[in-house]
Amino acid sequence: MSDLPDQNNSKEISPDAKVTGTVTYRNLSPEDRKKVKAIAKKKAKEKGIIINIIEK
């Protein structure tokens, strides 16, 4: 057995880690999409992370 923490269940994120995520919103009106983007940007700013929103 190793004394290292289980990396898959760790809630800690190292400062140099690259965290990615995807949000898919379908069936939302353009106004609601703007609201979702604004919320995401606000939360990212609060947490001090960089957010890139890419629309396809």
C-alpha atoms as a PDB file:
ATOM      1  CA  MET A   1       0.000   0.000   0.000  1.00  0.00           C
ATOM      2  CA  SER A   2       1.127   3.490  -0.771  1.00  0.00           C
ATOM      3  CA  ASP A   3       0.778   6.498   1.505  1.00  0.00           C
ATOM      4  CA  LEU A   4      -0.061   8.715  -1.475  1.00  0.00           C
ATOM      5  CA  PRO A   5      -3.583  10.152  -1.635  1.00  0.00           C
ATOM      6  CA  ASP A   6      -6.001   8.630  -4.103  1.00  0.00           C
ATOM      7  CA  GLN A   7      -5.648  10.934  -7.095  1.00  0.00           C
ATOM      8  CA  ASN A   8      -9.014  10.028  -8.575  1.00  0.00           C
ATOM      9  CA  ASN A   9     -10.944  11.066  -5.478  1.00  0.00           C
ATOM     10  CA  SER A  10      -8.913  14.097  -4.453  1.00  0.00           C
ATOM     11  CA  LYS A  11     -10.781  17.383  -4.243  1.00  0.00           C
ATOM     12  CA  GLU A  12      -7.554  19.386  -4.345  1.00  0.00           C
ATOM     13  CA  ILE A  13      -6.512  20.972  -7.641  1.00  0.00           C
ATOM     14  CA  SER A  14      -2.871  21.830  -8.080  1.00  0.00           C
ATOM     15  CA  PRO A  15      -2.132  25.415  -9.137  1.00  0.00           C
ATOM     16  CA  ASP A  16      -0.612  24.264 -12.435  1.00  0.00           C
ATOM     17  CA  ALA A  17      -3.440  21.867 -13.321  1.00  0.00           C
ATOM     18  CA  LYS A  18      -5.469  22.416 -16.456  1.00  0.00           C
ATOM     19  CA  VAL A  19      -9.116  21.817 -15.704  1.00  0.00           C
ATOM     20  CA  THR A  20     -11.515  21.514 -18.590  1.00  0.00           C
ATOM     21  CA  GLY A  21     -15.237  21.160 -18.724  1.00  0.00           C
ATOM     22  CA  THR A  22     -18.066  21.296 -21.188  1.00  0.00           C
ATOM     23  CA  VAL A  23     -21.554  22.643 -20.868  1.00  0.00           C
ATOM     24  CA  THR A  24     -24.077  21.943 -23.575  1.00  0.00           C
ATOM     25  CA  TYR A  25     -27.239  23.944 -23.553  1.00  0.00           C
ATOM     26  CA  ARG A  26     -29.955  23.012 -25.944  1.00  0.00           C
ATOM     27  CA  ASN A  27     -33.486  24.289 -26.126  1.00  0.00           C
ATOM     28  CA  LEU A  28     -32.522  27.584 -24.512  1.00  0.00           C
ATOM     29  CA  SER A  29     -33.551  30.896 -25.915  1.00  0.00           C
ATOM     30  CA  PRO A  30     -30.794  33.333 -26.920  1.00  0.00           C
ATOM     31  CA  GLU A  31     -31.667  35.455 -23.870  1.00  0.00           C
ATOM     32  CA  ASP A  32     -31.239  32.479 -21.537  1.00  0.00           C
ATOM     33  CA  ARG A  33     -27.921  31.594 -23.186  1.00  0.00           C
ATOM     34  CA  LYS A  34     -26.678  35.108 -22.409  1.00  0.00           C
ATOM     35  CA  LYS A  35     -27.760  34.639 -18.783  1.00  0.00           C
ATOM     36  CA  VAL A  36     -25.924  31.298 -18.542  1.00  0.00           C
ATOM     37  CA  LYS A  37     -22.765  32.866 -19.982  1.00  0.00           C
ATOM     38  CA  ALA A  38     -22.969  35.777 -17.551  1.00  0.00           C
ATOM     39  CA  ILE A  39     -23.351  33.425 -14.583  1.00  0.00           C
ATOM     40  CA  ALA A  40     -20.407  31.303 -15.747  1.00  0.00           C
ATOM     41  CA  LYS A  41     -18.190  34.361 -16.187  1.00  0.00           C
ATOM     42  CA  LYS A  42     -19.175  35.725 -12.777  1.00  0.00           C
ATOM     43  CA  LYS A  43     -18.471  32.431 -10.991  1.00  0.00           C
ATOM     44  CA  ALA A  44     -15.145  32.023 -12.784  1.00  0.00           C
ATOM     45  CA  LYS A  45     -14.096  35.515 -11.742  1.00  0.00           C
ATOM     46  CA  GLU A  46     -15.090  34.803  -8.123  1.00  0.00           C
ATOM     47  CA  LYS A  47     -12.990  31.622  -8.127  1.00  0.00           C
ATOM     48  CA  GLY A  48     -10.074  33.262  -9.913  1.00  0.00           C
ATOM     49  CA  ILE A  49     -10.126  30.925 -12.886  1.00  0.00           C
ATOM     50  CA  ILE A  50     -10.009  31.543 -16.601  1.00  0.00           C
ATOM     51  CA  ILE A  51     -13.059  30.690 -18.655  1.00  0.00           C
ATOM     52  CA  ASN A  52     -13.257  30.394 -22.411  1.00  0.00           C
ATOM     53  CA  ILE A  53     -16.704  30.200 -23.943  1.00  0.00           C
ATOM     54  CA  ILE A  54     -16.704  28.703 -27.417  1.00  0.00           C
ATOM     55  CA  GLU A  55     -19.893  28.534 -29.431  1.00  0.00           C
ATOM     56  CA  LYS A  56     -20.224  26.175 -32.330  1.00  0.00           C
END
